Amino acid sequence: LKVRINTTGRPTGWATTGFLAWASGANAGTIIEVKTHTVDGTGESIEFLRPTFNPIAPGDTFNLLAGCDRTLATCRTKFNNVVNFGGFPHLQVDVNANINIA
């Protein structure tokens, strides 16, 4: 399901992997994950990972919550929250490693 909103100001991808929290309407109180968020000159498009529980109606309101790609760079530049970063940005991974599962 994809919706279009007539606002701009956020860059493309700002809400990708984020959440949309419904504040009014039939979906009020529910939260849905954002699959993709794109912006063009006339507004924003938000595609949901799953369908909404109830139909969306004109006038329904929501809060759009920023998405995180779980990288140190995003934690630093988008959220200014490196001190709480929980990943391993300097762990070297061998892409040619063979993994055997018994």
Protein backbone atom coordinates (compact mmCIF):
# COMPACT_ATOMS: atom_id res chain seq x y z
CA LEU A 1 0.00 0.00 0.00
CA LYS A 2 1.38 3.39 -0.94
CA VAL A 3 0.07 6.79 0.17
CA ARG A 4 0.91 10.28 -1.04
CA ILE A 5 1.16 13.36 1.20
CA ASN A 6 1.45 16.92 -0.03
CA THR A 7 4.36 18.04 2.11
CA THR A 8 8.06 18.30 1.54
CA GLY A 9 11.06 19.19 3.61
CA ARG A 10 12.35 15.71 4.36
CA PRO A 11 14.87 14.10 1.99
CA THR A 12 14.11 10.89 0.10
CA GLY A 13 14.66 7.91 2.37
CA TRP A 14 14.24 9.86 5.61
CA ALA A 15 11.41 7.57 6.76
CA THR A 16 12.49 4.37 4.96
CA THR A 17 12.51 1.55 7.57
CA GLY A 18 10.86 3.98 9.98
CA PHE A 19 7.32 3.95 11.28
CA LEU A 20 4.03 5.75 10.76
CA ALA A 21 1.89 6.12 13.89
CA TRP A 22 -1.78 6.82 13.21
CA ALA A 23 -3.18 9.60 15.41
CA SER A 24 -6.77 9.67 14.13
CA GLY A 25 -9.20 7.75 11.97
CA ALA A 26 -9.98 4.04 11.90
CA ASN A 27 -6.27 3.16 12.39
CA ALA A 28 -5.73 5.50 15.38
CA GLY A 29 -3.35 4.00 17.92
CA THR A 30 -1.70 1.61 15.46
CA ILE A 31 1.83 1.80 14.10
CA ILE A 32 2.92 0.51 10.70
CA GLU A 33 6.42 0.05 9.29
CA VAL A 34 7.49 2.16 6.31
CA LYS A 35 9.04 0.19 3.45
CA THR A 36 10.07 3.12 1.24
CA HIS A 37 9.88 6.90 1.46
CA THR A 38 10.42 9.05 -1.63
CA VAL A 39 10.18 12.78 -2.18
CA ASP A 40 9.69 14.76 -5.36
CA GLY A 41 8.79 18.37 -6.14
CA THR A 42 5.12 17.95 -5.24
CA GLY A 43 5.16 15.85 -2.09
CA GLU A 44 6.12 12.58 -0.48
CA SER A 45 5.19 8.96 -1.18
CA ILE A 46 5.17 6.43 1.62
CA GLU A 47 4.94 2.71 0.93
CA PHE A 48 4.05 0.46 3.85
CA LEU A 49 5.65 -2.91 4.51
CA ARG A 50 2.20 -4.41 5.23
CA PRO A 51 -1.38 -3.27 4.64
CA THR A 52 -3.13 -1.08 7.21
CA PHE A 53 -5.66 -2.75 9.50
CA ASN A 54 -8.47 -0.46 8.34
CA PRO A 55 -9.04 1.73 5.27
CA ILE A 56 -7.33 5.13 5.23
CA ALA A 57 -9.67 8.10 4.86
CA PRO A 58 -9.07 11.73 3.90
CA GLY A 59 -8.30 13.70 7.04
CA ASP A 60 -6.67 10.82 8.93
CA THR A 61 -3.63 12.16 10.76
CA PHE A 62 -0.36 10.48 11.64
CA ASN A 63 3.18 11.02 12.89
CA LEU A 64 6.00 9.93 10.61
CA LEU A 65 9.01 8.56 12.51
CA ALA A 66 12.50 8.57 10.99
CA GLY A 67 13.95 5.35 9.66
CA CYS A 68 17.38 3.94 10.52
CA ASP A 69 19.63 1.85 8.27
CA ARG A 70 21.64 0.84 11.35
CA THR A 71 24.94 2.31 10.22
CA LEU A 72 27.33 4.37 12.28
CA ALA A 73 27.17 7.17 9.69
CA THR A 74 23.39 7.47 10.02
CA CYS A 75 23.60 7.34 13.80
CA ARG A 76 26.07 10.23 13.66
CA THR A 77 24.56 12.47 10.97
CA LYS A 78 20.82 11.83 11.21
CA PHE A 79 20.31 11.21 14.92
CA ASN A 80 23.45 12.70 16.54
CA ASN A 81 23.50 9.60 18.74
CA VAL A 82 26.84 7.82 18.23
CA VAL A 83 27.24 7.31 21.97
CA ASN A 84 24.29 4.87 21.89
CA PHE A 85 25.20 3.10 18.63
CA GLY A 86 24.90 -0.64 19.24
CA GLY A 87 26.56 -2.03 16.13
CA PHE A 88 30.06 -3.15 15.25
CA PRO A 89 31.24 -0.69 12.58
CA HIS A 90 34.89 -1.79 12.57
CA LEU A 91 34.40 -5.57 12.56
CA GLN A 92 35.98 -6.99 9.45
CA VAL A 93 33.92 -9.63 7.70
CA ASP A 94 35.37 -12.13 5.24
CA VAL A 95 32.88 -12.24 2.37
CA ASN A 96 34.52 -15.45 1.07
CA ALA A 97 34.12 -17.38 4.31
CA ASN A 98 32.45 -20.77 4.08
CA ILE A 99 29.89 -21.53 6.73
CA ASN A 100 29.03 -25.15 7.44
CA ILE A 101 25.91 -25.92 9.39
CA ALA A 102 25.67 -29.45 10.70
